[in-house]
Amino acid sequence: DAILGTGAMGRVPRAPFIDWVVETNRFIGSHAIIAADIPTGINPNTGASASPRILADETITMIVPKPGCTVSECGRVSVVPLSYIEPLLG
């Protein structure tokens, strides 16, 4: 997924993103749909969902699970750490 970034807060996506959400959901059942952090259209704090919204098979979220990751639209939820990159910078 990763259609919208941090701060979208589960609002209904505007054009052209709304079309991308609808098109992505057409792959349900034939391809795995994986969301980054939270599916587009799901509020990360409450789990409230917009229509349309991404219906993910899996959500990979960072550091800690978001409260909104408990809704079925998130699918299986995996929590992963963020890398410690400071040694690579320099």
C-alpha atoms as a PDB file:
ATOM      1  CA  ASP A   1       0.000   0.000   0.000  1.00  0.00           C
ATOM      2  CA  ALA A   2       1.973   3.069   1.174  1.00  0.00           C
ATOM      3  CA  ILE A   3      -0.289   5.244  -0.978  1.00  0.00           C
ATOM      4  CA  LEU A   4      -0.574   7.951   1.675  1.00  0.00           C
ATOM      5  CA  GLY A   5       2.017   8.843   4.273  1.00  0.00           C
ATOM      6  CA  THR A   6       2.086   9.772   7.927  1.00  0.00           C
ATOM      7  CA  GLY A   7      -0.680  12.124   8.943  1.00  0.00           C
ATOM      8  CA  ALA A   8      -3.437  10.897   6.628  1.00  0.00           C
ATOM      9  CA  MET A   9      -5.402   9.827   9.737  1.00  0.00           C
ATOM     10  CA  GLY A  10      -7.874   7.573   7.926  1.00  0.00           C
ATOM     11  CA  ARG A  11      -9.598  10.260   5.878  1.00  0.00           C
ATOM     12  CA  VAL A  12     -11.163   9.483   2.501  1.00  0.00           C
ATOM     13  CA  PRO A  13      -8.370   9.813  -0.058  1.00  0.00           C
ATOM     14  CA  ARG A  14      -8.763  12.500  -2.731  1.00  0.00           C
ATOM     15  CA  ALA A  15      -8.099  12.095  -6.450  1.00  0.00           C
ATOM     16  CA  PRO A  16      -5.984  10.533  -7.782  1.00  0.00           C
ATOM     17  CA  PHE A  17      -5.360   8.476  -4.613  1.00  0.00           C
ATOM     18  CA  ILE A  18      -8.969   7.328  -4.289  1.00  0.00           C
ATOM     19  CA  ASP A  19      -8.650   5.658  -7.701  1.00  0.00           C
ATOM     20  CA  TRP A  20      -5.436   3.935  -6.586  1.00  0.00           C
ATOM     21  CA  VAL A  21      -7.208   2.541  -3.506  1.00  0.00           C
ATOM     22  CA  VAL A  22     -10.071   1.157  -5.598  1.00  0.00           C
ATOM     23  CA  GLU A  23      -7.637  -0.310  -8.132  1.00  0.00           C
ATOM     24  CA  THR A  24      -5.462  -1.907  -5.425  1.00  0.00           C
ATOM     25  CA  ASN A  25      -8.473  -3.616  -3.844  1.00  0.00           C
ATOM     26  CA  ARG A  26      -9.268  -5.251  -7.208  1.00  0.00           C
ATOM     27  CA  PHE A  27      -6.291  -7.525  -6.526  1.00  0.00           C
ATOM     28  CA  ILE A  28      -7.886  -9.002  -3.372  1.00  0.00           C
ATOM     29  CA  GLY A  29      -7.616 -12.774  -3.568  1.00  0.00           C
ATOM     30  CA  SER A  30      -5.194 -12.851  -6.497  1.00  0.00           C
ATOM     31  CA  HIS A  31      -2.253 -10.930  -5.006  1.00  0.00           C
ATOM     32  CA  ALA A  32      -1.130 -10.197  -1.470  1.00  0.00           C
ATOM     33  CA  ILE A  33      -1.865  -6.630  -0.413  1.00  0.00           C
ATOM     34  CA  ILE A  34       0.653  -5.411   2.139  1.00  0.00           C
ATOM     35  CA  ALA A  35       0.279  -2.094   3.941  1.00  0.00           C
ATOM     36  CA  ALA A  36       3.172  -0.044   5.291  1.00  0.00           C
ATOM     37  CA  ASP A  37       2.476   1.131   8.872  1.00  0.00           C
ATOM     38  CA  ILE A  38      -1.333   1.332   8.459  1.00  0.00           C
ATOM     39  CA  PRO A  39      -3.587   0.682   5.432  1.00  0.00           C
ATOM     40  CA  THR A  40      -4.652   3.782   3.517  1.00  0.00           C
ATOM     41  CA  GLY A  41      -8.041   4.899   4.811  1.00  0.00           C
ATOM     42  CA  ILE A  42      -7.612   3.524   8.354  1.00  0.00           C
ATOM     43  CA  ASN A  43      -7.151   5.904  11.272  1.00  0.00           C
ATOM     44  CA  PRO A  44      -4.004   4.727  13.100  1.00  0.00           C
ATOM     45  CA  ASN A  45      -5.279   5.938  16.472  1.00  0.00           C
ATOM     46  CA  THR A  46      -8.852   4.630  16.422  1.00  0.00           C
ATOM     47  CA  GLY A  47      -9.183   2.062  13.635  1.00  0.00           C
ATOM     48  CA  ALA A  48     -12.043   4.081  12.119  1.00  0.00           C
ATOM     49  CA  SER A  49     -12.149   3.482   8.402  1.00  0.00           C
ATOM     50  CA  ALA A  50     -12.952   5.587   5.383  1.00  0.00           C
ATOM     51  CA  SER A  51     -14.636   4.316   2.273  1.00  0.00           C
ATOM     52  CA  PRO A  52     -12.881   3.330   0.153  1.00  0.00           C
ATOM     53  CA  ARG A  53      -9.946   2.013   2.136  1.00  0.00           C
ATOM     54  CA  ILE A  54      -7.215  -0.528   1.511  1.00  0.00           C
ATOM     55  CA  LEU A  55      -8.119  -4.051   2.602  1.00  0.00           C
ATOM     56  CA  ALA A  56      -4.686  -5.429   3.475  1.00  0.00           C
ATOM     57  CA  ASP A  57      -3.695  -9.056   3.859  1.00  0.00           C
ATOM     58  CA  GLU A  58      -0.828  -7.907   6.058  1.00  0.00           C
ATOM     59  CA  THR A  59       0.271  -4.670   7.696  1.00  0.00           C
ATOM     60  CA  ILE A  60       3.909  -4.125   8.570  1.00  0.00           C
ATOM     61  CA  THR A  61       4.076  -1.423  11.217  1.00  0.00           C
ATOM     62  CA  MET A  62       7.117   0.155  12.799  1.00  0.00           C
ATOM     63  CA  ILE A  63       8.350   0.091  16.409  1.00  0.00           C
ATOM     64  CA  VAL A  64       4.996  -0.534  18.176  1.00  0.00           C
ATOM     65  CA  PRO A  65       1.553  -1.587  16.951  1.00  0.00           C
ATOM     66  CA  LYS A  66      -0.749   1.363  16.317  1.00  0.00           C
ATOM     67  CA  PRO A  67      -4.058   1.209  18.239  1.00  0.00           C
ATOM     68  CA  GLY A  68      -5.870   1.227  14.883  1.00  0.00           C
ATOM     69  CA  CYS A  69      -4.065  -1.929  13.735  1.00  0.00           C
ATOM     70  CA  THR A  70      -6.640  -4.066  15.518  1.00  0.00           C
ATOM     71  CA  VAL A  71      -9.275  -3.787  12.752  1.00  0.00           C
ATOM     72  CA  SER A  72      -9.747  -6.561  10.223  1.00  0.00           C
ATOM     73  CA  GLU A  73      -8.756  -4.309   7.293  1.00  0.00           C
ATOM     74  CA  CYS A  74      -5.160  -4.536   8.552  1.00  0.00           C
ATOM     75  CA  GLY A  75      -4.964  -8.311   8.101  1.00  0.00           C
ATOM     76  CA  ARG A  76      -2.053  -9.935   9.895  1.00  0.00           C
ATOM     77  CA  VAL A  77       0.009  -7.292  11.720  1.00  0.00           C
ATOM     78  CA  SER A  78       3.791  -7.526  12.021  1.00  0.00           C
ATOM     79  CA  VAL A  79       5.766  -5.080  14.152  1.00  0.00           C
ATOM     80  CA  VAL A  80       9.324  -4.396  12.987  1.00  0.00           C
ATOM     81  CA  PRO A  81      12.100  -2.198  14.409  1.00  0.00           C
ATOM     82  CA  LEU A  82      13.607   0.728  12.570  1.00  0.00           C
ATOM     83  CA  SER A  83      17.313   0.327  11.887  1.00  0.00           C
ATOM     84  CA  TYR A  84      19.947   2.161  13.828  1.00  0.00           C
ATOM     85  CA  ILE A  85      21.620   3.990  10.927  1.00  0.00           C
ATOM     86  CA  GLU A  86      23.829   6.580  12.661  1.00  0.00           C
ATOM     87  CA  PRO A  87      27.033   4.475  12.276  1.00  0.00           C
ATOM     88  CA  LEU A  88      26.397   4.342   8.509  1.00  0.00           C
ATOM     89  CA  LEU A  89      26.144   8.122   8.181  1.00  0.00           C
ATOM     90  CA  GLY A  90      29.633   8.745   8.846  1.00  0.00           C
END
